[in-house]
């Protein structure tokens, strides 16, 4: 194929770089999903005075936050400051968690709960963006500034 970069693997096998790029995006999403579920469940477990949420709520909210956050990471260009991207993730997470009051039965959380989940998500996103967003948005086959 013209225009694809081939990588030589063990025993003479080759694979295109697009496979590695897809695997990197998949790994980035799985890490984001797990960390969002853990963030919501951590606040629910250790700060019960701010609201009630169980594991089902944490999984559902974590899934929604991860999908919307991942889509936002793909839409927001790399040229935008990282602080803006983290602020968008903070507000997005807080709004999604508080909206869970209206859509998930048995969930009762306050704005304090929602904002602390948003702050924890923003803290996680700082490390996530450093590890995955800069690297996954680089063009395939071209070395980035850190290589």
N, C-alpha and C. Protein backbone atom coordinates (compact mmCIF):
# COMPACT_ATOMS: atom_id res chain seq x y z
N UNK A 1 0.83 -1.19 0.00
CA UNK A 1 0.00 0.00 0.00
C UNK A 1 0.87 1.24 0.00
N UNK A 2 0.50 2.20 -0.78
CA UNK A 2 1.25 3.45 -0.81
C UNK A 2 0.83 4.33 0.35
N UNK A 3 1.81 4.94 1.00
CA UNK A 3 1.50 5.88 2.06
C UNK A 3 1.39 5.27 3.45
N UNK A 4 1.60 3.96 3.58
CA UNK A 4 1.55 3.37 4.92
C UNK A 4 2.95 3.02 5.35
N UNK A 5 3.19 3.14 6.62
CA UNK A 5 4.50 2.83 7.19
C UNK A 5 4.43 1.42 7.76
N UNK A 6 5.30 0.54 7.31
CA UNK A 6 5.30 -0.84 7.79
C UNK A 6 6.35 -1.01 8.88
N UNK A 7 6.01 -1.79 9.88
CA UNK A 7 6.92 -2.08 10.98
C UNK A 7 7.28 -3.55 10.90
N UNK A 8 8.55 -3.88 11.01
CA UNK A 8 9.00 -5.26 10.97
C UNK A 8 8.93 -5.85 12.37
N UNK A 9 8.19 -6.94 12.50
CA UNK A 9 8.03 -7.61 13.77
C UNK A 9 8.93 -8.84 13.81
N UNK A 10 8.78 -9.65 14.84
CA UNK A 10 9.57 -10.88 14.97
C UNK A 10 9.26 -11.84 13.83
N UNK A 11 10.23 -12.64 13.46
CA UNK A 11 10.10 -13.69 12.45
C UNK A 11 9.70 -13.14 11.08
N UNK A 12 10.11 -11.91 10.77
CA UNK A 12 9.87 -11.36 9.46
C UNK A 12 8.46 -10.86 9.21
N UNK A 13 7.59 -10.85 10.21
CA UNK A 13 6.23 -10.36 10.03
C UNK A 13 6.24 -8.84 9.97
N UNK A 14 5.29 -8.29 9.28
CA UNK A 14 5.16 -6.83 9.22
C UNK A 14 3.75 -6.44 9.62
N UNK A 15 3.62 -5.23 10.09
CA UNK A 15 2.31 -4.70 10.46
C UNK A 15 2.32 -3.21 10.19
N UNK A 16 1.18 -2.67 9.83
CA UNK A 16 1.13 -1.24 9.56
C UNK A 16 1.03 -0.46 10.86
N UNK A 17 1.48 0.78 10.83
CA UNK A 17 1.47 1.64 12.02
C UNK A 17 0.05 1.99 12.44
N UNK A 18 -0.94 1.89 11.53
CA UNK A 18 -2.30 2.21 11.90
C UNK A 18 -2.82 1.28 12.99
N UNK A 19 -2.37 0.03 13.00
CA UNK A 19 -2.79 -0.91 14.04
C UNK A 19 -2.32 -0.43 15.40
N UNK A 20 -1.09 0.06 15.47
CA UNK A 20 -0.58 0.54 16.74
C UNK A 20 -1.29 1.80 17.19
N UNK A 21 -1.68 2.65 16.24
CA UNK A 21 -2.40 3.87 16.59
C UNK A 21 -3.78 3.53 17.15
N UNK A 22 -4.47 2.56 16.55
CA UNK A 22 -5.78 2.15 17.05
C UNK A 22 -5.64 1.54 18.43
N UNK A 23 -4.61 0.70 18.63
CA UNK A 23 -4.41 0.11 19.94
C UNK A 23 -4.12 1.17 20.99
N UNK A 24 -3.40 2.22 20.62
CA UNK A 24 -3.10 3.29 21.57
C UNK A 24 -4.37 4.04 21.94
N UNK A 25 -5.25 4.29 20.98
CA UNK A 25 -6.52 4.95 21.28
C UNK A 25 -7.40 4.07 22.15
N UNK A 26 -7.42 2.78 21.89
CA UNK A 26 -8.21 1.86 22.70
C UNK A 26 -7.68 1.80 24.13
N UNK A 27 -6.37 1.73 24.28
CA UNK A 27 -5.78 1.74 25.61
C UNK A 27 -6.09 3.04 26.34
N UNK A 28 -6.03 4.15 25.63
CA UNK A 28 -6.34 5.45 26.24
C UNK A 28 -7.78 5.48 26.73
N UNK A 29 -8.72 4.94 25.94
CA UNK A 29 -10.11 4.94 26.37
C UNK A 29 -10.32 4.02 27.57
N UNK A 30 -9.70 2.85 27.57
CA UNK A 30 -9.86 1.92 28.69
C UNK A 30 -9.30 2.53 29.98
N UNK A 31 -8.17 3.20 29.89
CA UNK A 31 -7.60 3.87 31.07
C UNK A 31 -8.53 4.97 31.55
N UNK A 32 -9.07 5.75 30.62
CA UNK A 32 -10.00 6.82 30.99
C UNK A 32 -11.25 6.25 31.63
N UNK A 33 -11.80 5.18 31.08
CA UNK A 33 -13.01 4.57 31.64
C UNK A 33 -12.76 4.06 33.06
N UNK A 34 -11.70 3.33 33.26
CA UNK A 34 -11.40 2.81 34.59
C UNK A 34 -11.15 3.90 35.61
N UNK A 35 -10.46 4.94 35.21
CA UNK A 35 -10.17 6.02 36.16
C UNK A 35 -11.41 6.85 36.47
N UNK A 36 -12.33 7.01 35.53
CA UNK A 36 -13.56 7.76 35.81
C UNK A 36 -14.47 6.98 36.75
N UNK A 37 -14.58 5.67 36.53
CA UNK A 37 -15.38 4.84 37.44
C UNK A 37 -14.78 4.88 38.84
N UNK A 38 -13.46 4.76 38.92
CA UNK A 38 -12.79 4.79 40.23
C UNK A 38 -12.97 6.14 40.91
N UNK A 39 -12.93 7.23 40.16
CA UNK A 39 -13.09 8.56 40.76
C UNK A 39 -14.47 8.74 41.36
N UNK A 40 -15.51 8.35 40.62
CA UNK A 40 -16.88 8.49 41.14
C UNK A 40 -17.08 7.59 42.35
N UNK A 41 -16.60 6.37 42.27
CA UNK A 41 -16.81 5.43 43.37
C UNK A 41 -15.98 5.81 44.60
N UNK A 42 -14.80 6.39 44.41
CA UNK A 42 -13.98 6.84 45.53
C UNK A 42 -14.71 7.92 46.33
N UNK A 43 -15.26 8.91 45.65
CA UNK A 43 -15.99 9.97 46.35
C UNK A 43 -17.24 9.41 47.01
N UNK A 44 -17.92 8.48 46.35
CA UNK A 44 -19.13 7.89 46.93
C UNK A 44 -18.81 7.07 48.18
N UNK A 45 -17.69 6.37 48.19
CA UNK A 45 -17.33 5.55 49.34
C UNK A 45 -16.85 6.36 50.54
N UNK A 46 -16.00 7.34 50.29
CA UNK A 46 -15.33 8.01 51.39
C UNK A 46 -15.97 9.32 51.82
N UNK A 47 -16.95 9.80 51.09
CA UNK A 47 -17.64 11.03 51.48
C UNK A 47 -19.15 10.84 51.40
N UNK A 48 -19.72 9.97 52.25
CA UNK A 48 -21.14 9.67 52.16
C UNK A 48 -22.05 10.81 52.62
N UNK A 49 -21.52 11.81 53.31
CA UNK A 49 -22.36 12.92 53.75
C UNK A 49 -22.79 13.80 52.58
N UNK A 50 -22.06 13.76 51.49
CA UNK A 50 -22.39 14.59 50.34
C UNK A 50 -23.38 13.93 49.40
N UNK A 51 -23.62 12.65 49.55
CA UNK A 51 -24.57 12.00 48.68
C UNK A 51 -24.45 10.49 48.72
N UNK A 52 -25.43 9.84 48.12
CA UNK A 52 -25.47 8.38 48.06
C UNK A 52 -25.38 7.93 46.61
N UNK A 53 -24.41 7.07 46.36
CA UNK A 53 -24.27 6.47 45.04
C UNK A 53 -23.63 5.10 45.24
N UNK A 54 -24.11 4.12 44.50
CA UNK A 54 -23.55 2.77 44.63
C UNK A 54 -22.67 2.45 43.43
N UNK A 55 -22.22 1.21 43.35
CA UNK A 55 -21.31 0.81 42.28
C UNK A 55 -21.97 0.92 40.90
N UNK A 56 -23.24 0.58 40.80
CA UNK A 56 -23.95 0.72 39.53
C UNK A 56 -23.95 2.18 39.06
N UNK A 57 -24.22 3.09 39.99
CA UNK A 57 -24.20 4.51 39.65
C UNK A 57 -22.81 4.94 39.20
N UNK A 58 -21.79 4.46 39.91
CA UNK A 58 -20.41 4.82 39.55
C UNK A 58 -20.05 4.31 38.16
N UNK A 59 -20.47 3.09 37.84
CA UNK A 59 -20.17 2.53 36.51
C UNK A 59 -20.91 3.31 35.42
N UNK A 60 -22.17 3.59 35.63
CA UNK A 60 -22.94 4.32 34.62
C UNK A 60 -22.40 5.74 34.42
N UNK A 61 -22.16 6.45 35.53
CA UNK A 61 -21.64 7.81 35.42
C UNK A 61 -20.22 7.81 34.86
N UNK A 62 -19.40 6.86 35.29
CA UNK A 62 -18.04 6.77 34.76
C UNK A 62 -18.03 6.50 33.27
N UNK A 63 -18.94 5.65 32.80
CA UNK A 63 -19.03 5.37 31.37
C UNK A 63 -19.43 6.62 30.59
N UNK A 64 -20.42 7.35 31.09
CA UNK A 64 -20.87 8.56 30.41
C UNK A 64 -19.76 9.62 30.40
N UNK A 65 -19.11 9.81 31.56
CA UNK A 65 -18.03 10.80 31.64
C UNK A 65 -16.88 10.41 30.72
N UNK A 66 -16.54 9.13 30.68
CA UNK A 66 -15.43 8.67 29.84
C UNK A 66 -15.73 8.87 28.36
N UNK A 67 -16.93 8.52 27.93
CA UNK A 67 -17.29 8.66 26.50
C UNK A 67 -17.30 10.14 26.11
N UNK A 68 -17.97 10.97 26.92
CA UNK A 68 -18.02 12.39 26.59
C UNK A 68 -16.64 13.05 26.68
N UNK A 69 -15.87 12.67 27.68
CA UNK A 69 -14.52 13.22 27.83
C UNK A 69 -13.60 12.79 26.71
N UNK A 70 -13.71 11.54 26.29
CA UNK A 70 -12.88 11.05 25.19
C UNK A 70 -13.25 11.76 23.90
N UNK A 71 -14.56 11.95 23.68
CA UNK A 71 -14.99 12.69 22.49
C UNK A 71 -14.50 14.13 22.54
N UNK A 72 -14.54 14.74 23.72
CA UNK A 72 -14.04 16.11 23.86
C UNK A 72 -12.54 16.17 23.60
N UNK A 73 -11.80 15.16 24.04
CA UNK A 73 -10.36 15.13 23.78
C UNK A 73 -10.06 15.00 22.30
N UNK A 74 -10.91 14.31 21.55
CA UNK A 74 -10.70 14.19 20.11
C UNK A 74 -11.13 15.45 19.37
N UNK A 75 -12.13 16.15 19.90
CA UNK A 75 -12.65 17.35 19.23
C UNK A 75 -11.79 18.57 19.52
N UNK A 76 -11.42 18.75 20.79
CA UNK A 76 -10.61 19.92 21.17
C UNK A 76 -9.23 19.74 20.56
N UNK A 77 -8.79 20.69 19.75
CA UNK A 77 -7.49 20.53 19.10
C UNK A 77 -6.34 20.62 20.10
N UNK A 78 -5.20 20.05 19.70
CA UNK A 78 -4.03 20.08 20.57
C UNK A 78 -3.52 21.49 20.79
N UNK A 79 -3.82 22.39 19.88
CA UNK A 79 -3.33 23.75 20.01
C UNK A 79 -3.97 24.48 21.19
N UNK A 80 -5.15 24.02 21.60
CA UNK A 80 -5.81 24.62 22.75
C UNK A 80 -5.00 24.27 24.00
N UNK A 81 -4.92 25.21 24.88
CA UNK A 81 -4.16 25.03 26.11
C UNK A 81 -4.69 23.84 26.90
N UNK A 82 -3.80 23.11 27.55
CA UNK A 82 -4.21 21.94 28.34
C UNK A 82 -5.11 22.36 29.50
N UNK A 83 -4.92 23.55 30.03
CA UNK A 83 -5.76 24.02 31.14
C UNK A 83 -7.21 24.13 30.70
N UNK A 84 -7.44 24.57 29.48
CA UNK A 84 -8.80 24.67 28.97
C UNK A 84 -9.42 23.28 28.85
N UNK A 85 -8.66 22.32 28.36
CA UNK A 85 -9.18 20.96 28.21
C UNK A 85 -9.51 20.34 29.56
N UNK A 86 -8.67 20.57 30.57
CA UNK A 86 -8.93 20.04 31.91
C UNK A 86 -10.13 20.74 32.53
N UNK A 87 -10.28 22.04 32.30
CA UNK A 87 -11.44 22.77 32.82
C UNK A 87 -12.73 22.27 32.20
N UNK A 88 -12.69 21.97 30.91
CA UNK A 88 -13.87 21.40 30.24
C UNK A 88 -14.22 20.05 30.86
N UNK A 89 -13.21 19.22 31.14
CA UNK A 89 -13.45 17.92 31.77
C UNK A 89 -14.03 18.08 33.17
N UNK A 90 -13.56 19.07 33.94
CA UNK A 90 -14.06 19.31 35.29
C UNK A 90 -15.55 19.66 35.25
N UNK A 91 -15.91 20.63 34.42
CA UNK A 91 -17.31 21.06 34.33
C UNK A 91 -18.18 19.95 33.78
N UNK A 92 -17.70 19.24 32.78
CA UNK A 92 -18.45 18.13 32.19
C UNK A 92 -18.74 17.05 33.22
N UNK A 93 -17.73 16.67 34.00
CA UNK A 93 -17.91 15.63 35.01
C UNK A 93 -18.88 16.08 36.09
N UNK A 94 -18.75 17.32 36.55
CA UNK A 94 -19.65 17.81 37.60
C UNK A 94 -21.10 17.84 37.11
N UNK A 95 -21.33 18.29 35.90
CA UNK A 95 -22.69 18.34 35.37
C UNK A 95 -23.28 16.95 35.15
N UNK A 96 -22.47 16.03 34.66
CA UNK A 96 -22.96 14.66 34.43
C UNK A 96 -23.31 14.00 35.75
N UNK A 97 -22.46 14.17 36.76
CA UNK A 97 -22.73 13.54 38.06
C UNK A 97 -23.98 14.13 38.69
N UNK A 98 -24.14 15.44 38.65
CA UNK A 98 -25.34 16.02 39.25
C UNK A 98 -26.59 15.65 38.46
N UNK A 99 -26.48 15.55 37.14
CA UNK A 99 -27.62 15.14 36.32
C UNK A 99 -28.03 13.70 36.61
N UNK A 100 -27.11 12.91 37.16
CA UNK A 100 -27.44 11.54 37.55
C UNK A 100 -28.54 11.46 38.58
N UNK A 101 -28.73 12.53 39.36
CA UNK A 101 -29.84 12.58 40.32
C UNK A 101 -31.18 12.39 39.63
N UNK A 102 -31.31 12.90 38.44
CA UNK A 102 -32.59 12.89 37.73
C UNK A 102 -32.79 11.66 36.86
N UNK A 103 -31.70 10.95 36.54
CA UNK A 103 -31.81 9.84 35.61
C UNK A 103 -31.54 8.47 36.22
N UNK A 104 -30.84 8.41 37.34
CA UNK A 104 -30.52 7.13 37.96
C UNK A 104 -31.31 6.97 39.25
N UNK A 105 -32.16 5.96 39.33
CA UNK A 105 -32.96 5.77 40.54
C UNK A 105 -32.09 5.39 41.74
N UNK A 106 -32.41 5.97 42.88
CA UNK A 106 -31.69 5.66 44.11
C UNK A 106 -30.46 6.50 44.33
N UNK A 107 -30.14 7.37 43.40
CA UNK A 107 -28.96 8.22 43.54
C UNK A 107 -29.40 9.57 44.11
N UNK A 108 -28.68 10.02 45.12
CA UNK A 108 -28.98 11.30 45.74
C UNK A 108 -27.67 11.98 46.09
N UNK A 109 -27.23 12.91 45.26
CA UNK A 109 -25.96 13.58 45.50
C UNK A 109 -26.17 15.09 45.51
N UNK A 110 -25.27 15.78 46.19
CA UNK A 110 -25.32 17.23 46.26
C UNK A 110 -24.37 17.83 45.23
N UNK A 111 -24.44 19.16 45.11
CA UNK A 111 -23.51 19.84 44.22
C UNK A 111 -22.08 19.69 44.72
N UNK A 112 -21.91 19.61 46.04
CA UNK A 112 -20.57 19.41 46.60
C UNK A 112 -19.98 18.09 46.12
N UNK A 113 -20.79 17.04 46.16
CA UNK A 113 -20.37 15.73 45.66
C UNK A 113 -19.96 15.84 44.19
N UNK A 114 -20.81 16.49 43.40
CA UNK A 114 -20.54 16.61 41.97
C UNK A 114 -19.26 17.40 41.70
N UNK A 115 -19.04 18.49 42.42
CA UNK A 115 -17.84 19.30 42.18
C UNK A 115 -16.58 18.59 42.65
N UNK A 116 -16.68 17.82 43.73
CA UNK A 116 -15.49 17.09 44.16
C UNK A 116 -15.17 15.94 43.20
N UNK A 117 -16.18 15.32 42.63
CA UNK A 117 -15.91 14.33 41.58
C UNK A 117 -15.26 15.04 40.39
N UNK A 118 -15.77 16.21 40.03
CA UNK A 118 -15.18 16.97 38.94
C UNK A 118 -13.73 17.34 39.20
N UNK A 119 -13.42 17.73 40.44
CA UNK A 119 -12.03 18.06 40.79
C UNK A 119 -11.13 16.84 40.72
N UNK A 120 -11.63 15.70 41.20
CA UNK A 120 -10.84 14.47 41.13
C UNK A 120 -10.63 14.05 39.67
N UNK A 121 -11.67 14.17 38.87
CA UNK A 121 -11.55 13.85 37.44
C UNK A 121 -10.54 14.79 36.78
N UNK A 122 -10.58 16.07 37.13
CA UNK A 122 -9.62 17.03 36.55
C UNK A 122 -8.19 16.68 36.95
N UNK A 123 -7.99 16.26 38.19
CA UNK A 123 -6.66 15.83 38.61
C UNK A 123 -6.18 14.62 37.84
N UNK A 124 -7.06 13.68 37.61
CA UNK A 124 -6.72 12.50 36.82
C UNK A 124 -6.43 12.89 35.37
N UNK A 125 -7.23 13.81 34.84
CA UNK A 125 -7.08 14.22 33.44
C UNK A 125 -5.74 14.90 33.17
N UNK A 126 -5.16 15.57 34.16
CA UNK A 126 -3.86 16.19 33.95
C UNK A 126 -2.83 15.13 33.57
N UNK A 127 -2.81 14.03 34.33
CA UNK A 127 -1.88 12.95 34.03
C UNK A 127 -2.29 12.20 32.76
N UNK A 128 -3.59 12.04 32.54
CA UNK A 128 -4.08 11.36 31.34
C UNK A 128 -3.66 12.12 30.09
N UNK A 129 -3.85 13.44 30.08
CA UNK A 129 -3.48 14.23 28.91
C UNK A 129 -1.98 14.18 28.67
N UNK A 130 -1.20 14.20 29.74
CA UNK A 130 0.25 14.14 29.57
C UNK A 130 0.67 12.82 28.94
N UNK A 131 0.02 11.73 29.33
CA UNK A 131 0.43 10.40 28.86
C UNK A 131 -0.18 10.03 27.51
N UNK A 132 -1.45 10.36 27.28
CA UNK A 132 -2.15 9.83 26.10
C UNK A 132 -2.51 10.86 25.04
N UNK A 133 -2.98 12.02 25.42
CA UNK A 133 -3.54 12.93 24.43
C UNK A 133 -2.46 13.49 23.52
N UNK A 134 -1.34 13.91 24.06
CA UNK A 134 -0.26 14.42 23.21
C UNK A 134 0.21 13.36 22.24
N UNK A 135 0.35 12.13 22.73
CA UNK A 135 0.91 11.07 21.90
C UNK A 135 -0.10 10.54 20.89
N UNK A 136 -1.37 10.41 21.27
CA UNK A 136 -2.33 9.77 20.38
C UNK A 136 -2.78 10.69 19.25
N UNK A 137 -2.62 11.99 19.38
CA UNK A 137 -3.02 12.90 18.31
C UNK A 137 -1.90 13.16 17.31
N UNK A 138 -0.71 12.60 17.55
CA UNK A 138 0.38 12.79 16.61
C UNK A 138 0.09 12.01 15.33
N UNK A 139 0.50 12.55 14.19
CA UNK A 139 0.32 11.81 12.95
C UNK A 139 1.08 10.48 12.99
N UNK A 140 0.49 9.45 12.43
CA UNK A 140 1.10 8.14 12.43
C UNK A 140 2.30 8.14 11.49
N UNK A 141 3.41 7.59 11.95
CA UNK A 141 4.59 7.47 11.12
C UNK A 141 5.56 8.63 11.22
N UNK A 142 5.13 9.74 11.80
CA UNK A 142 6.02 10.88 11.97
C UNK A 142 6.45 10.96 13.41
N UNK A 143 7.73 11.12 13.68
CA UNK A 143 8.17 11.20 15.06
C UNK A 143 7.73 12.50 15.70
N UNK A 144 7.30 12.39 16.96
CA UNK A 144 6.87 13.56 17.71
C UNK A 144 8.04 14.23 18.39
N UNK A 145 7.79 15.28 19.15
CA UNK A 145 8.87 16.01 19.79
C UNK A 145 9.55 15.23 20.91
N UNK A 146 8.89 14.21 21.45
CA UNK A 146 9.48 13.47 22.57
C UNK A 146 10.18 12.19 22.12
N UNK A 147 10.29 11.94 20.82
CA UNK A 147 10.96 10.72 20.34
C UNK A 147 12.36 11.03 19.91
